[in-house]
């Protein structure tokens, strides 16, 4: 399932990526661009704009301003699950790739490198991820949503 969040749903896009969903979040632009991209890429449009949602088949109108409620709204309509948590870059949506610990020297604090063995890197923006306390807090928040896990 591929998703497309409009410019009013940046936090939702980030968390859908953390859940493992391919979620595009383009720069603000005309509605026509969103509609064209959704159709061209086979994405489901998520929007807060009631009129835009009505013009796009299968679009999901998000009603809440609260992130956790938004996630539950989308999950309820689309049957979302935690498909592959923490597998995508939260910033640019690319699938993370493992990177050997010796290759992150100078990219992460030395204390982090000495405490962790596994690292992942975004092939696009080059951001490095590891399972530290921030990761644990994100996983805890995802688990708090009580969504089913993919089989």
C-alpha atoms as a PDB file:
ATOM      1  CA  UNK A   1       0.000   0.000   0.000  1.00  0.00           C
ATOM      2  CA  UNK A   2       1.402   3.346  -1.057  1.00  0.00           C
ATOM      3  CA  UNK A   3       0.192   6.534   0.585  1.00  0.00           C
ATOM      4  CA  UNK A   4       0.383  10.257  -0.193  1.00  0.00           C
ATOM      5  CA  UNK A   5      -0.105  12.832   2.553  1.00  0.00           C
ATOM      6  CA  UNK A   6      -1.002  16.406   1.704  1.00  0.00           C
ATOM      7  CA  UNK A   7       1.039  19.300   3.118  1.00  0.00           C
ATOM      8  CA  UNK A   8      -1.128  19.503   6.258  1.00  0.00           C
ATOM      9  CA  UNK A   9      -0.169  15.981   7.370  1.00  0.00           C
ATOM     10  CA  UNK A  10       3.614  16.037   7.794  1.00  0.00           C
ATOM     11  CA  UNK A  11       3.647  14.378  11.209  1.00  0.00           C
ATOM     12  CA  UNK A  12       1.259  11.689  10.030  1.00  0.00           C
ATOM     13  CA  UNK A  13       3.482  11.011   6.992  1.00  0.00           C
ATOM     14  CA  UNK A  14       6.513  10.596   9.257  1.00  0.00           C
ATOM     15  CA  UNK A  15       4.746   8.133  11.550  1.00  0.00           C
ATOM     16  CA  UNK A  16       3.281   6.127   8.684  1.00  0.00           C
ATOM     17  CA  UNK A  17       6.844   5.755   7.414  1.00  0.00           C
ATOM     18  CA  UNK A  18       7.941   4.613  10.862  1.00  0.00           C
ATOM     19  CA  UNK A  19       5.177   2.002  10.705  1.00  0.00           C
ATOM     20  CA  UNK A  20       6.710   0.716   7.477  1.00  0.00           C
ATOM     21  CA  UNK A  21       4.450   2.328   4.861  1.00  0.00           C
ATOM     22  CA  UNK A  22       5.687   3.915   1.647  1.00  0.00           C
ATOM     23  CA  UNK A  23       4.370   7.421   2.320  1.00  0.00           C
ATOM     24  CA  UNK A  24       5.062  10.353   0.014  1.00  0.00           C
ATOM     25  CA  UNK A  25       4.919  13.870   1.432  1.00  0.00           C
ATOM     26  CA  UNK A  26       5.452  16.415  -1.336  1.00  0.00           C
ATOM     27  CA  UNK A  27       6.100  20.118  -1.035  1.00  0.00           C
ATOM     28  CA  UNK A  28       2.963  22.284  -0.881  1.00  0.00           C
ATOM     29  CA  UNK A  29       1.453  22.794  -4.304  1.00  0.00           C
ATOM     30  CA  UNK A  30      -1.751  22.793  -6.276  1.00  0.00           C
ATOM     31  CA  UNK A  31      -4.342  20.116  -5.584  1.00  0.00           C
ATOM     32  CA  UNK A  32      -4.016  19.029  -9.226  1.00  0.00           C
ATOM     33  CA  UNK A  33      -0.393  17.981  -8.553  1.00  0.00           C
ATOM     34  CA  UNK A  34      -1.491  15.809  -5.611  1.00  0.00           C
ATOM     35  CA  UNK A  35      -4.258  14.211  -7.646  1.00  0.00           C
ATOM     36  CA  UNK A  36      -1.914  13.529 -10.567  1.00  0.00           C
ATOM     37  CA  UNK A  37       0.778  12.066  -8.335  1.00  0.00           C
ATOM     38  CA  UNK A  38      -1.661   9.823  -6.481  1.00  0.00           C
ATOM     39  CA  UNK A  39      -2.983   8.477  -9.785  1.00  0.00           C
ATOM     40  CA  UNK A  40       0.414   8.159 -11.472  1.00  0.00           C
ATOM     41  CA  UNK A  41       2.070   6.362  -8.518  1.00  0.00           C
ATOM     42  CA  UNK A  42      -0.945   4.332  -7.393  1.00  0.00           C
ATOM     43  CA  UNK A  43      -1.071   6.066  -4.010  1.00  0.00           C
ATOM     44  CA  UNK A  44      -3.981   6.590  -1.659  1.00  0.00           C
ATOM     45  CA  UNK A  45      -4.359  10.282  -0.887  1.00  0.00           C
ATOM     46  CA  UNK A  46      -4.667  11.266   2.771  1.00  0.00           C
ATOM     47  CA  UNK A  47      -5.897  14.823   3.231  1.00  0.00           C
ATOM     48  CA  UNK A  48      -7.535  17.135   5.740  1.00  0.00           C
ATOM     49  CA  UNK A  49      -9.261  18.942   2.842  1.00  0.00           C
ATOM     50  CA  UNK A  50     -12.861  17.722   2.646  1.00  0.00           C
ATOM     51  CA  UNK A  51     -13.389  19.008  -0.895  1.00  0.00           C
ATOM     52  CA  UNK A  52     -10.158  17.472  -2.184  1.00  0.00           C
ATOM     53  CA  UNK A  53     -11.002  14.121  -0.582  1.00  0.00           C
ATOM     54  CA  UNK A  54     -14.385  14.185  -2.305  1.00  0.00           C
ATOM     55  CA  UNK A  55     -12.734  14.709  -5.726  1.00  0.00           C
ATOM     56  CA  UNK A  56     -10.288  11.789  -5.455  1.00  0.00           C
ATOM     57  CA  UNK A  57     -11.534   8.200  -5.554  1.00  0.00           C
ATOM     58  CA  UNK A  58     -10.392   6.189  -2.509  1.00  0.00           C
ATOM     59  CA  UNK A  59      -8.965   9.284  -0.775  1.00  0.00           C
ATOM     60  CA  UNK A  60      -9.144   9.312   3.008  1.00  0.00           C
ATOM     61  CA  UNK A  61     -10.235  12.499   4.702  1.00  0.00           C
ATOM     62  CA  UNK A  62      -8.469  12.976   8.035  1.00  0.00           C
ATOM     63  CA  UNK A  63     -10.699  14.788  10.498  1.00  0.00           C
ATOM     64  CA  UNK A  64      -8.589  15.029  13.644  1.00  0.00           C
ATOM     65  CA  UNK A  65      -5.749  17.406  14.460  1.00  0.00           C
ATOM     66  CA  UNK A  66      -4.287  14.904  16.949  1.00  0.00           C
ATOM     67  CA  UNK A  67      -1.593  12.604  15.549  1.00  0.00           C
ATOM     68  CA  UNK A  68      -2.574   9.389  17.337  1.00  0.00           C
ATOM     69  CA  UNK A  69      -6.206   9.874  16.380  1.00  0.00           C
ATOM     70  CA  UNK A  70      -5.126  10.515  12.768  1.00  0.00           C
ATOM     71  CA  UNK A  71      -3.183   7.254  12.718  1.00  0.00           C
ATOM     72  CA  UNK A  72      -6.172   5.393  14.109  1.00  0.00           C
ATOM     73  CA  UNK A  73      -8.450   7.068  11.522  1.00  0.00           C
ATOM     74  CA  UNK A  74      -6.243   5.882   8.660  1.00  0.00           C
ATOM     75  CA  UNK A  75      -5.792   2.455  10.234  1.00  0.00           C
ATOM     76  CA  UNK A  76      -9.551   2.075  10.614  1.00  0.00           C
ATOM     77  CA  UNK A  77     -10.304   2.979   6.997  1.00  0.00           C
ATOM     78  CA  UNK A  78      -7.382   1.192   5.347  1.00  0.00           C
ATOM     79  CA  UNK A  79      -6.799  -1.654   7.783  1.00  0.00           C
ATOM     80  CA  UNK A  80      -3.240  -0.533   8.530  1.00  0.00           C
ATOM     81  CA  UNK A  81      -0.952  -2.740  10.591  1.00  0.00           C
ATOM     82  CA  UNK A  82       2.609  -2.394  11.755  1.00  0.00           C
ATOM     83  CA  UNK A  83       4.089  -3.885   8.577  1.00  0.00           C
ATOM     84  CA  UNK A  84       7.793  -3.334   9.083  1.00  0.00           C
ATOM     85  CA  UNK A  85       8.342  -0.787  11.852  1.00  0.00           C
ATOM     86  CA  UNK A  86      11.420   1.389  11.619  1.00  0.00           C
ATOM     87  CA  UNK A  87      12.351   0.178   8.133  1.00  0.00           C
ATOM     88  CA  UNK A  88      11.987   3.499   6.279  1.00  0.00           C
ATOM     89  CA  UNK A  89      13.667   6.861   6.630  1.00  0.00           C
ATOM     90  CA  UNK A  90      11.282   9.109   8.534  1.00  0.00           C
ATOM     91  CA  UNK A  91      12.532  12.115   6.553  1.00  0.00           C
ATOM     92  CA  UNK A  92      12.624  10.977   2.928  1.00  0.00           C
ATOM     93  CA  UNK A  93      10.736   7.648   2.827  1.00  0.00           C
ATOM     94  CA  UNK A  94      13.590   5.507   1.452  1.00  0.00           C
ATOM     95  CA  UNK A  95      14.009   1.948   2.710  1.00  0.00           C
ATOM     96  CA  UNK A  96      16.867   1.844   5.228  1.00  0.00           C
ATOM     97  CA  UNK A  97      19.860  -0.367   4.480  1.00  0.00           C
ATOM     98  CA  UNK A  98      22.150  -2.003   7.048  1.00  0.00           C
ATOM     99  CA  UNK A  99      25.547  -0.386   7.407  1.00  0.00           C
ATOM    100  CA  UNK A 100      28.507  -1.979   9.225  1.00  0.00           C
ATOM    101  CA  UNK A 101      29.427  -0.355  12.535  1.00  0.00           C
ATOM    102  CA  UNK A 102      32.923   0.443  11.251  1.00  0.00           C
ATOM    103  CA  UNK A 103      31.376   2.567   8.462  1.00  0.00           C
ATOM    104  CA  UNK A 104      29.548   4.915  10.832  1.00  0.00           C
ATOM    105  CA  UNK A 105      32.720   6.286  12.428  1.00  0.00           C
ATOM    106  CA  UNK A 106      32.437  10.055  12.235  1.00  0.00           C
ATOM    107  CA  UNK A 107      28.739   9.819  11.349  1.00  0.00           C
ATOM    108  CA  UNK A 108      27.445   9.117  14.862  1.00  0.00           C
ATOM    109  CA  UNK A 109      28.838  10.029  18.277  1.00  0.00           C
ATOM    110  CA  UNK A 110      31.616   7.679  19.360  1.00  0.00           C
ATOM    111  CA  UNK A 111      29.671   6.738  22.500  1.00  0.00           C
ATOM    112  CA  UNK A 112      26.774   5.570  20.297  1.00  0.00           C
ATOM    113  CA  UNK A 113      29.107   3.599  18.051  1.00  0.00           C
ATOM    114  CA  UNK A 114      30.666   1.883  21.054  1.00  0.00           C
ATOM    115  CA  UNK A 115      27.266   0.888  22.555  1.00  0.00           C
ATOM    116  CA  UNK A 116      25.530  -0.373  19.409  1.00  0.00           C
ATOM    117  CA  UNK A 117      26.342  -3.048  16.865  1.00  0.00           C
ATOM    118  CA  UNK A 118      23.570  -2.509  14.316  1.00  0.00           C
ATOM    119  CA  UNK A 119      23.125   0.598  12.208  1.00  0.00           C
ATOM    120  CA  UNK A 120      20.986   1.502   9.197  1.00  0.00           C
ATOM    121  CA  UNK A 121      21.453   4.303   6.720  1.00  0.00           C
ATOM    122  CA  UNK A 122      19.138   6.054   4.345  1.00  0.00           C
ATOM    123  CA  UNK A 123      20.535   5.701   0.822  1.00  0.00           C
ATOM    124  CA  UNK A 124      19.036   9.066  -0.128  1.00  0.00           C
ATOM    125  CA  UNK A 125      19.624  11.568   2.694  1.00  0.00           C
ATOM    126  CA  UNK A 126      22.413   9.510   4.359  1.00  0.00           C
ATOM    127  CA  UNK A 127      20.857   9.796   7.820  1.00  0.00           C
ATOM    128  CA  UNK A 128      22.055   7.021  10.165  1.00  0.00           C
ATOM    129  CA  UNK A 129      19.682   5.136  12.456  1.00  0.00           C
ATOM    130  CA  UNK A 130      20.341   2.825  15.419  1.00  0.00           C
ATOM    131  CA  UNK A 131      18.227   1.234  18.136  1.00  0.00           C
ATOM    132  CA  UNK A 132      18.876   3.737  20.884  1.00  0.00           C
ATOM    133  CA  UNK A 133      16.501   5.299  23.394  1.00  0.00           C
ATOM    134  CA  UNK A 134      14.820   7.489  20.731  1.00  0.00           C
ATOM    135  CA  UNK A 135      14.099   4.362  18.652  1.00  0.00           C
ATOM    136  CA  UNK A 136      12.725   2.610  21.741  1.00  0.00           C
ATOM    137  CA  UNK A 137      10.406   5.563  22.460  1.00  0.00           C
ATOM    138  CA  UNK A 138       9.095   5.528  18.887  1.00  0.00           C
ATOM    139  CA  UNK A 139       8.464   1.765  19.006  1.00  0.00           C
ATOM    140  CA  UNK A 140       6.743   2.190  22.379  1.00  0.00           C
ATOM    141  CA  UNK A 141       4.512   4.911  20.923  1.00  0.00           C
ATOM    142  CA  UNK A 142       3.675   2.706  17.922  1.00  0.00           C
ATOM    143  CA  UNK A 143       2.874  -0.213  20.238  1.00  0.00           C
ATOM    144  CA  UNK A 144       0.690   2.113  22.346  1.00  0.00           C
ATOM    145  CA  UNK A 145      -1.530   2.591  19.282  1.00  0.00           C
ATOM    146  CA  UNK A 146      -2.443  -1.077  19.680  1.00  0.00           C
ATOM    147  CA  UNK A 147      -2.561  -1.736  15.930  1.00  0.00           C
ATOM    148  CA  UNK A 148      -2.285  -5.318  14.757  1.00  0.00           C
ATOM    149  CA  UNK A 149       1.069  -6.516  13.434  1.00  0.00           C
ATOM    150  CA  UNK A 150       1.330  -7.871   9.929  1.00  0.00           C
ATOM    151  CA  UNK A 151       1.540 -11.670   9.812  1.00  0.00           C
END
